[in-house]
């Protein structure tokens, strides 16, 4: 019975896992946490039992490569005129053509950047990134200033299960290698055709030689990481624990970083999982415990001003979910990546979002919250860091109120993980050995350790 419950739990973990420890290597010892006093929660709902092999759409290495390599596409949303009391006075932006507009203005830029959609935010003018063909104007032409009525993107009413249009305009490009005649030759075979289609549809992408300064960071200093997340990405009070960076939870998540091990002997999950309130601390009780509230009601927000990019939709038993990133407007190259989200149907690829703007809800009743933060230096160098490493003091204070002292409380040092390596199996997902997922071995002690131990989790007060 314990084995069966453990296998069901794995299904609910969301498809993120890496190779098992060798049979001869003892797992790290830990002391089970005392059972906390029951938290006040809403009236329990009907038991939701995980479906074997289904709850999550598992991201894989090929998809990870594609997401990290994709130049930001451009989509020009419709212009909406807000109510007069929604415009903040005193904040202005200067367009490329020299015109001055107020905060909230949203439409195409002028001058040499005429083909890009822009929006005037507190931090300045944020625009989509597309090379505008030069246009030879008559000698007598005079720049036409924008209309006086400021505009802004609408605040949407969420309809999580609405199916968005078929995302045919979301091709996944591959790693570009300037020494190759066809940069898409470096792509995994199953994504090569999409890469070539993307090159055809977007000849100004990085692979064809255009500037990459808009979506790559100029430098990376691990001792001086900018604090750019001035809003928490989700409702923190809805969760009981979060996994640590480099944990043994889920699957290996380190591709395209210096910590990636192609031999699969030293794997690690370099993102955070958030487990909803009401989940029992014991692994054996997970699959037989009713949800304390509707998990799909959990809201997600933009942590910083940025552009919605790399949107990929998929279907599950509840409707449509998406994985996507938000590229920081203030710090190019910094990406916040989300998984299993019922994305607001009014938000599409290339649209601008503001810090604190609700972007969706959890997209599957058996999914946990997830967040990954990437710093992309170029097409072959990426750094994965903790969300709390880029959080402002105000955001970090929210976590301190739940018992955390510093961001290091949720980060396993690289040296510590290297000293106690975790193996992973050889599927594209690279599930941890011992997890029983895909080709991984099944080890009940590993599964208990992965779900219950403070080696992998920070437990909120």
Protein backbone atom coordinates (compact mmCIF):
# COMPACT_ATOMS: atom_id res chain seq x y z
CA UNK A 1 0.00 0.00 0.00
CA UNK A 2 2.88 2.39 0.85
CA UNK A 3 4.53 1.70 -2.50
CA UNK A 4 1.29 2.44 -4.36
CA UNK A 5 0.78 5.71 -2.50
CA UNK A 6 4.34 6.74 -3.24
CA UNK A 7 3.96 6.09 -6.94
CA UNK A 8 0.79 8.17 -7.00
CA UNK A 9 2.60 11.01 -5.24
CA UNK A 10 5.30 11.05 -7.86
CA UNK A 11 2.67 11.58 -10.50
CA UNK A 12 1.56 14.67 -8.62
CA UNK A 13 5.06 16.09 -8.39
CA UNK A 14 4.83 17.56 -11.85
CA UNK A 15 7.34 15.81 -13.97
CA UNK A 16 10.55 17.26 -12.64
CA UNK A 17 13.11 14.61 -11.48
CA UNK A 18 16.76 13.21 -11.92
CA UNK A 19 18.87 9.83 -11.41
CA UNK A 20 18.92 7.74 -8.13
CA UNK A 21 21.78 7.39 -5.74
CA UNK A 22 23.82 4.20 -6.24
CA UNK A 23 22.44 1.32 -4.21
CA UNK A 24 25.62 1.20 -2.14
CA UNK A 25 25.41 4.87 -1.16
CA UNK A 26 23.27 5.64 1.93
CA UNK A 27 20.83 8.54 1.53
CA UNK A 28 21.40 11.60 3.69
CA UNK A 29 19.97 11.10 7.15
CA UNK A 30 17.25 13.38 8.39
CA UNK A 31 14.86 13.77 11.28
CA UNK A 32 11.17 13.82 10.28
CA UNK A 33 9.56 17.07 11.30
CA UNK A 34 6.90 16.96 14.04
CA UNK A 35 3.40 17.05 12.69
CA UNK A 36 2.34 20.69 12.82
CA UNK A 37 -0.90 21.82 14.38
CA UNK A 38 -3.67 21.83 11.78
CA UNK A 39 -3.82 25.15 10.00
CA UNK A 40 -7.12 26.94 9.62
CA UNK A 41 -8.23 26.08 6.14
CA UNK A 42 -11.41 26.30 4.08
CA UNK A 43 -13.91 23.46 4.12
CA UNK A 44 -12.24 20.35 2.59
CA UNK A 45 -13.22 19.54 -0.96
CA UNK A 46 -13.74 16.26 -2.71
CA UNK A 47 -10.66 14.01 -2.81
CA UNK A 48 -8.70 14.49 -6.01
CA UNK A 49 -6.61 11.42 -6.80
CA UNK A 50 -3.56 11.88 -9.05
CA UNK A 51 -3.84 10.16 -12.42
CA UNK A 52 -0.90 7.82 -13.12
CA UNK A 53 1.52 9.44 -15.52
CA UNK A 54 -0.79 12.40 -16.31
CA UNK A 55 -0.98 15.31 -13.82
CA UNK A 56 1.84 17.33 -15.28
CA UNK A 57 3.10 18.21 -18.73
CA UNK A 58 6.80 17.44 -18.18
CA UNK A 59 9.25 19.83 -19.65
CA UNK A 60 12.28 18.16 -21.23
CA UNK A 61 15.83 19.10 -22.16
CA UNK A 62 14.95 19.76 -25.78
CA UNK A 63 12.21 22.15 -24.72
CA UNK A 64 14.54 23.78 -22.20
CA UNK A 65 17.10 24.38 -24.94
CA UNK A 66 14.42 25.82 -27.21
CA UNK A 67 13.07 28.14 -24.51
CA UNK A 68 16.51 29.51 -23.64
CA UNK A 69 17.42 30.05 -27.28
CA UNK A 70 14.23 31.74 -28.46
CA UNK A 71 14.52 35.41 -29.40
CA UNK A 72 11.60 37.42 -28.12
CA UNK A 73 8.84 37.47 -30.79
CA UNK A 74 6.74 40.55 -31.35
CA UNK A 75 2.99 40.72 -31.11
CA UNK A 76 1.20 44.06 -31.26
CA UNK A 77 -1.87 43.99 -28.98
CA UNK A 78 -4.94 46.13 -29.45
CA UNK A 79 -4.89 49.62 -27.95
CA UNK A 80 -7.42 50.25 -25.18
CA UNK A 81 -8.34 53.69 -23.84
CA UNK A 82 -8.48 53.71 -20.01
CA UNK A 83 -10.67 55.81 -17.79
CA UNK A 84 -9.29 59.23 -17.05
CA UNK A 85 -8.74 58.42 -13.35
CA UNK A 86 -6.44 55.50 -14.27
CA UNK A 87 -3.73 57.78 -15.68
CA UNK A 88 -0.98 58.68 -13.23
CA UNK A 89 0.01 62.30 -13.69
CA UNK A 90 3.63 63.42 -13.79
CA UNK A 91 5.19 60.28 -15.32
CA UNK A 92 6.20 60.77 -18.96
CA UNK A 93 8.19 58.92 -21.62
CA UNK A 94 9.92 60.18 -24.76
CA UNK A 95 9.28 58.32 -28.02
CA UNK A 96 11.95 57.65 -30.65
CA UNK A 97 10.48 60.45 -32.78
CA UNK A 98 10.81 62.96 -29.91
CA UNK A 99 7.15 63.03 -28.79
CA UNK A 100 6.42 63.01 -25.03
CA UNK A 101 3.59 60.82 -23.69
CA UNK A 102 2.16 60.11 -20.24
CA UNK A 103 2.37 56.88 -18.26
CA UNK A 104 -0.23 54.44 -19.54
CA UNK A 105 0.24 55.40 -23.22
CA UNK A 106 0.38 52.22 -25.34
CA UNK A 107 0.69 51.94 -29.13
CA UNK A 108 3.38 51.85 -31.82
CA UNK A 109 6.51 53.95 -31.29
CA UNK A 110 7.44 56.71 -33.75
CA UNK A 111 10.65 57.54 -35.62
CA UNK A 112 13.06 54.72 -36.47
CA UNK A 113 11.31 52.37 -34.00
CA UNK A 114 7.90 52.85 -35.67
CA UNK A 115 7.14 49.11 -36.07
CA UNK A 116 7.36 48.23 -32.36
CA UNK A 117 4.56 48.28 -29.77
CA UNK A 118 5.52 50.38 -26.72
CA UNK A 119 4.07 51.24 -23.35
CA UNK A 120 4.97 54.06 -20.96
CA UNK A 121 5.70 52.59 -17.49
CA UNK A 122 7.11 54.00 -14.26
CA UNK A 123 10.56 52.73 -15.23
CA UNK A 124 10.40 54.33 -18.66
CA UNK A 125 9.37 53.36 -22.17
CA UNK A 126 9.13 49.55 -22.68
CA UNK A 127 8.89 48.29 -26.25
CA UNK A 128 8.80 45.04 -28.14
CA UNK A 129 11.99 44.16 -30.01
CA UNK A 130 11.88 43.96 -33.80
CA UNK A 131 14.15 45.40 -36.45
CA UNK A 132 12.15 48.05 -38.31
CA UNK A 133 12.76 48.28 -42.07
CA UNK A 134 14.05 51.69 -43.04
CA UNK A 135 11.50 53.89 -44.79
CA UNK A 136 12.54 56.74 -47.07
CA UNK A 137 10.23 59.64 -46.29
CA UNK A 138 9.55 62.57 -48.62
CA UNK A 139 11.66 65.66 -47.91
CA UNK A 140 8.58 67.62 -46.85
CA UNK A 141 7.25 65.00 -44.46
CA UNK A 142 6.55 66.11 -40.92
CA UNK A 143 6.44 63.78 -37.88
CA UNK A 144 2.88 63.29 -36.69
CA UNK A 145 2.62 63.24 -32.89
CA UNK A 146 0.42 60.61 -31.23
CA UNK A 147 -3.11 61.44 -30.19
CA UNK A 148 -3.47 63.13 -26.84
CA UNK A 149 -5.54 60.35 -25.23
CA UNK A 150 -3.15 58.10 -23.21
CA UNK A 151 -3.86 54.40 -23.42
CA UNK A 152 -2.82 51.29 -21.53
CA UNK A 153 -3.27 47.58 -21.74
CA UNK A 154 -6.51 46.35 -20.17
CA UNK A 155 -6.84 44.53 -16.88
CA UNK A 156 -8.30 41.19 -17.89
CA UNK A 157 -10.99 39.07 -16.29
CA UNK A 158 -9.53 35.58 -16.07
CA UNK A 159 -11.17 32.62 -17.75
CA UNK A 160 -8.60 29.92 -16.92
CA UNK A 161 -10.13 27.14 -18.98
CA UNK A 162 -10.58 29.16 -22.16
CA UNK A 163 -8.65 27.63 -25.03
CA UNK A 164 -6.41 30.22 -26.72
CA UNK A 165 -5.90 30.33 -30.48
CA UNK A 166 -3.64 27.64 -31.86
CA UNK A 167 -0.15 28.97 -31.07
CA UNK A 168 1.26 28.55 -34.56
CA UNK A 169 3.31 31.71 -34.11
CA UNK A 170 5.34 30.24 -31.26
CA UNK A 171 8.19 28.38 -33.01
CA UNK A 172 11.09 27.12 -30.91
CA UNK A 173 14.50 28.04 -32.31
CA UNK A 174 17.66 26.10 -31.58
CA UNK A 175 21.13 26.96 -30.37
CA UNK A 176 22.77 29.21 -32.91
CA UNK A 177 26.33 28.50 -33.97
CA UNK A 178 27.74 31.19 -36.26
CA UNK A 179 30.28 28.73 -37.67
CA UNK A 180 27.51 26.62 -39.21
CA UNK A 181 25.88 27.37 -42.53
CA UNK A 182 22.54 26.43 -40.99
CA UNK A 183 22.34 27.33 -37.26
CA UNK A 184 19.37 24.97 -36.86
CA UNK A 185 21.66 21.99 -37.44
CA UNK A 186 22.57 22.28 -33.77
CA UNK A 187 18.96 21.81 -32.67
CA UNK A 188 17.65 18.48 -31.35
CA UNK A 189 16.14 16.52 -34.24
CA UNK A 190 12.57 16.88 -33.01
CA UNK A 191 12.84 20.70 -32.97
CA UNK A 192 14.94 21.28 -36.09
CA UNK A 193 11.96 21.85 -38.39
CA UNK A 194 10.43 24.38 -35.99
CA UNK A 195 13.77 26.16 -35.80
CA UNK A 196 14.00 26.45 -39.58
CA UNK A 197 10.42 27.73 -39.75
CA UNK A 198 11.28 30.32 -37.09
CA UNK A 199 14.32 31.43 -39.10
CA UNK A 200 12.13 31.83 -42.16
CA UNK A 201 9.46 33.80 -40.29
CA UNK A 202 11.93 35.90 -38.32
CA UNK A 203 15.06 36.55 -40.40
CA UNK A 204 16.17 39.21 -37.93
CA UNK A 205 16.64 36.68 -35.12
CA UNK A 206 19.99 36.23 -33.36
CA UNK A 207 20.86 33.29 -35.60
CA UNK A 208 20.83 35.54 -38.63
CA UNK A 209 23.15 38.10 -37.07
CA UNK A 210 20.89 40.73 -35.47
CA UNK A 211 21.74 42.26 -32.09
CA UNK A 212 21.07 40.10 -29.03
CA UNK A 213 21.47 42.89 -26.45
CA UNK A 214 17.73 43.02 -25.87
CA UNK A 215 17.42 39.50 -24.51
CA UNK A 216 20.88 38.66 -23.13
CA UNK A 217 22.48 40.10 -20.00
CA UNK A 218 25.67 42.09 -20.53
CA UNK A 219 27.35 40.43 -17.55
CA UNK A 220 26.71 38.27 -14.50
CA UNK A 221 28.23 38.73 -11.06
CA UNK A 222 26.92 36.16 -8.52
CA UNK A 223 28.04 38.47 -5.71
CA UNK A 224 26.10 41.44 -7.07
CA UNK A 225 22.75 40.17 -8.36
CA UNK A 226 20.24 43.00 -8.97
CA UNK A 227 17.07 42.98 -6.87
CA UNK A 228 14.47 43.31 -9.61
CA UNK A 229 11.47 41.30 -8.35
CA UNK A 230 9.44 43.94 -6.52
CA UNK A 231 6.30 41.79 -6.33
CA UNK A 232 5.95 38.17 -5.23
CA UNK A 233 5.11 35.82 -8.11
CA UNK A 234 2.23 34.08 -6.25
CA UNK A 235 0.07 34.10 -3.10
CA UNK A 236 2.58 33.01 -0.46
CA UNK A 237 -0.07 32.36 2.20
CA UNK A 238 -1.46 29.51 0.09
CA UNK A 239 1.68 27.34 0.53
CA UNK A 240 3.16 25.27 3.36
CA UNK A 241 6.69 24.66 2.04
CA UNK A 242 9.06 25.46 -0.83
CA UNK A 243 11.84 23.31 -2.28
CA UNK A 244 15.43 24.46 -2.17
CA UNK A 245 17.60 25.35 -5.15
CA UNK A 246 19.64 22.23 -6.14
CA UNK A 247 17.22 19.92 -4.29
CA UNK A 248 16.34 16.31 -5.11
CA UNK A 249 12.70 17.22 -5.76
CA UNK A 250 11.14 16.74 -9.19
CA UNK A 251 13.81 16.18 -11.86
CA UNK A 252 17.15 17.50 -13.04
CA UNK A 253 16.78 21.16 -14.02
CA UNK A 254 20.22 22.45 -14.91
CA UNK A 255 20.56 22.21 -18.69
CA UNK A 256 22.72 24.79 -20.47
CA UNK A 257 24.39 25.80 -17.19
CA UNK A 258 27.88 25.05 -15.94
CA UNK A 259 26.32 22.68 -13.39
CA UNK A 260 24.78 20.37 -15.98
CA UNK A 261 26.26 16.86 -15.87
CA UNK A 262 25.86 14.93 -19.15
CA UNK A 263 26.92 11.72 -17.40
CA UNK A 264 23.79 11.95 -15.20
CA UNK A 265 25.76 11.18 -12.05
CA UNK A 266 25.36 14.61 -10.46
CA UNK A 267 21.91 16.07 -11.08
CA UNK A 268 19.99 18.82 -9.30
CA UNK A 269 16.72 20.78 -9.52
CA UNK A 270 17.59 24.46 -9.87
CA UNK A 271 14.11 25.88 -9.44
CA UNK A 272 11.61 26.17 -6.60
CA UNK A 273 8.44 24.12 -6.03
CA UNK A 274 5.70 25.43 -3.72
CA UNK A 275 3.38 22.87 -2.05
CA UNK A 276 -0.15 24.10 -1.18
CA UNK A 277 -1.44 24.35 2.40
CA UNK A 278 -3.20 21.30 3.77
CA UNK A 279 -0.84 18.73 2.25
CA UNK A 280 0.25 16.28 5.01
CA UNK A 281 3.96 16.18 5.90
CA UNK A 282 4.05 12.40 5.47
CA UNK A 283 4.69 11.09 1.99
CA UNK A 284 2.48 8.05 2.59
CA UNK A 285 -0.61 10.23 3.24
CA UNK A 286 -0.28 12.51 0.23
CA UNK A 287 -2.48 10.66 -2.24
CA UNK A 288 -5.27 9.89 0.25
CA UNK A 289 -5.64 13.39 1.73
CA UNK A 290 -8.33 15.73 0.34
CA UNK A 291 -7.26 19.15 -0.85
CA UNK A 292 -7.96 21.76 1.82
CA UNK A 293 -9.02 24.25 -0.86
CA UNK A 294 -9.16 24.50 -4.66
CA UNK A 295 -5.54 24.63 -5.81
CA UNK A 296 -6.53 26.03 -9.20
CA UNK A 297 -7.70 29.20 -7.40
CA UNK A 298 -4.09 30.14 -6.54
CA UNK A 299 -3.13 33.35 -8.34
CA UNK A 300 0.14 34.21 -10.08
CA UNK A 301 1.58 37.66 -10.77
CA UNK A 302 4.30 39.40 -12.75
CA UNK A 303 7.22 40.07 -10.36
CA UNK A 304 8.61 42.90 -12.51
CA UNK A 305 7.77 44.97 -15.58
CA UNK A 306 8.54 42.88 -18.64
CA UNK A 307 7.55 41.10 -21.83
CA UNK A 308 5.63 37.84 -21.98
CA UNK A 309 7.67 35.42 -24.08
CA UNK A 310 8.27 31.75 -24.93
CA UNK A 311 4.58 30.89 -24.41
CA UNK A 312 3.78 27.20 -24.99
CA UNK A 313 0.24 25.91 -24.48
CA UNK A 314 -0.85 22.36 -23.68
CA UNK A 315 -4.09 20.63 -22.76
CA UNK A 316 -4.94 18.73 -19.58
CA UNK A 317 -8.13 17.32 -18.11
CA UNK A 318 -9.05 20.76 -16.71
CA UNK A 319 -8.49 22.76 -19.88
CA UNK A 320 -5.51 24.75 -21.17
CA UNK A 321 -2.30 25.42 -19.27
CA UNK A 322 0.85 27.22 -20.34
CA UNK A 323 4.54 27.50 -19.62
CA UNK A 324 6.13 30.87 -20.35
CA UNK A 325 8.67 33.43 -19.27
CA UNK A 326 8.63 37.13 -18.41
CA UNK A 327 11.70 38.97 -19.71
CA UNK A 328 12.60 41.89 -17.46
CA UNK A 329 12.34 45.30 -19.14
CA UNK A 330 14.82 46.89 -16.76
CA UNK A 331 17.40 44.08 -16.85
CA UNK A 332 17.60 42.34 -20.25
CA UNK A 333 18.62 38.70 -19.96
CA UNK A 334 16.73 38.09 -16.69
CA UNK A 335 13.82 35.70 -17.20
CA UNK A 336 11.14 34.54 -14.75
CA UNK A 337 9.82 31.16 -15.95
CA UNK A 338 6.43 29.72 -14.95
CA UNK A 339 4.95 26.23 -15.40
CA UNK A 340 1.40 24.79 -15.34
CA UNK A 341 -0.40 28.15 -15.39
CA UNK A 342 -3.89 28.89 -16.72
CA UNK A 343 -2.66 32.04 -18.45
CA UNK A 344 -5.04 34.97 -18.69
CA UNK A 345 -6.43 34.54 -22.24
CA UNK A 346 -6.07 38.27 -22.84
CA UNK A 347 -2.30 37.95 -22.47
CA UNK A 348 -0.39 36.65 -25.49
CA UNK A 349 3.17 36.31 -26.74
CA UNK A 350 5.05 39.62 -26.80
CA UNK A 351 2.65 41.60 -24.61
CA UNK A 352 3.95 43.88 -21.89
CA UNK A 353 3.04 43.23 -18.24
CA UNK A 354 3.57 45.34 -15.13
CA UNK A 355 4.89 44.25 -11.74
CA UNK A 356 1.98 43.03 -9.61
CA UNK A 357 -0.31 42.39 -12.58
CA UNK A 358 -2.19 39.10 -12.25
CA UNK A 359 -1.26 36.85 -15.16
CA UNK A 360 -3.14 33.66 -14.36
CA UNK A 361 -4.00 30.91 -11.89
CA UNK A 362 -2.70 27.40 -11.31
CA UNK A 363 -3.55 25.33 -14.38
CA UNK A 364 -4.00 21.85 -12.88
CA UNK A 365 -5.58 20.73 -9.60
CA UNK A 366 -2.68 18.35 -8.93
CA UNK A 367 0.15 20.76 -9.80
CA UNK A 368 2.32 22.66 -7.35
CA UNK A 369 3.52 26.21 -7.78
CA UNK A 370 6.85 26.53 -9.66
CA UNK A 371 9.25 29.35 -10.44
CA UNK A 372 12.65 29.42 -12.12
CA UNK A 373 14.90 32.45 -12.65
CA UNK A 374 17.43 32.48 -15.49
CA UNK A 375 20.20 34.88 -16.37
CA UNK A 376 21.07 34.35 -20.04
CA UNK A 377 24.49 35.59 -21.09
CA UNK A 378 24.46 34.12 -24.60
CA UNK A 379 23.05 31.11 -26.45
CA UNK A 380 25.42 28.75 -24.66
CA UNK A 381 25.66 30.26 -21.17
CA UNK A 382 22.82 30.42 -18.68
CA UNK A 383 22.80 30.82 -14.90
CA UNK A 384 19.88 29.52 -12.81
CA UNK A 385 19.41 31.34 -9.51
CA UNK A 386 16.87 31.51 -6.69
CA UNK A 387 13.85 33.79 -7.00
CA UNK A 388 14.77 35.20 -3.59
CA UNK A 389 18.20 36.23 -4.90
CA UNK A 390 16.50 38.76 -7.19
CA UNK A 391 13.73 39.73 -4.73
CA UNK A 392 13.61 43.21 -3.25
CA UNK A 393 13.71 43.68 0.52
CA UNK A 394 9.93 44.18 0.57
CA UNK A 395 9.32 40.83 -1.11
CA UNK A 396 11.89 39.06 1.06
CA UNK A 397 10.14 40.45 4.12
CA UNK A 398 7.04 38.42 3.19
CA UNK A 399 9.15 35.25 3.43
CA UNK A 400 10.73 36.37 6.69
CA UNK A 401 7.27 36.64 8.18
CA UNK A 402 6.88 32.93 7.35
CA UNK A 403 10.06 32.00 9.25
CA UNK A 404 12.86 32.58 6.73
CA UNK A 405 15.98 34.55 7.62
CA UNK A 406 17.82 35.01 4.32
CA UNK A 407 17.69 33.70 0.76
CA UNK A 408 20.43 31.21 1.68
CA UNK A 409 17.79 29.29 3.70
CA UNK A 410 16.38 28.00 0.40
CA UNK A 411 19.66 27.43 -1.46
CA UNK A 412 21.79 24.28 -1.26
CA UNK A 413 25.37 25.41 -1.99
CA UNK A 414 26.91 23.97 -5.14
CA UNK A 415 29.78 22.49 -3.14
CA UNK A 416 27.35 20.66 -0.86
CA UNK A 417 25.41 19.16 -3.77
CA UNK A 418 28.61 18.15 -5.55
CA UNK A 419 29.74 16.38 -2.35
CA UNK A 420 26.44 14.43 -2.14
CA UNK A 421 25.51 13.88 -5.80
CA UNK A 422 22.15 12.59 -6.99
CA UNK A 423 21.98 10.46 -10.12
CA UNK A 424 19.22 10.73 -12.71
CA UNK A 425 17.85 8.46 -15.44
CA UNK A 426 18.45 8.96 -19.16
CA UNK A 427 15.07 10.19 -20.44
CA UNK A 428 14.76 13.78 -21.67
CA UNK A 429 13.23 14.73 -18.31
CA UNK A 430 16.14 13.14 -16.35
CA UNK A 431 14.09 12.03 -13.34
CA UNK A 432 16.01 11.32 -10.16
CA UNK A 433 16.96 7.70 -9.59
CA UNK A 434 14.85 6.28 -6.80
CA UNK A 435 11.78 8.24 -7.88
CA UNK A 436 10.22 5.47 -9.97
CA UNK A 437 9.52 7.88 -12.83
CA UNK A 438 10.16 6.89 -16.46
CA UNK A 439 13.23 4.63 -16.41
CA UNK A 440 14.28 5.55 -12.87
CA UNK A 441 14.47 2.91 -10.16
CA UNK A 442 11.96 2.93 -7.32
CA UNK A 443 13.34 3.42 -3.82
CA UNK A 444 10.83 4.16 -1.07
CA UNK A 445 13.47 5.60 1.25
CA UNK A 446 14.57 8.04 -1.45
CA UNK A 447 10.97 9.09 -2.07
CA UNK A 448 10.35 9.69 1.63
CA UNK A 449 13.57 11.68 1.89
CA UNK A 450 12.77 13.71 -1.23
CA UNK A 451 9.29 14.68 0.03
CA UNK A 452 9.73 15.01 3.81
CA UNK A 453 13.30 16.08 4.56
CA UNK A 454 14.49 19.58 5.37
CA UNK A 455 17.47 18.65 3.20
CA UNK A 456 15.18 19.48 0.27
CA UNK A 457 12.51 21.78 1.72
CA UNK A 458 12.03 24.94 3.71
CA UNK A 459 8.89 24.61 5.83
CA UNK A 460 6.94 27.86 6.32
CA UNK A 461 5.65 28.89 9.74
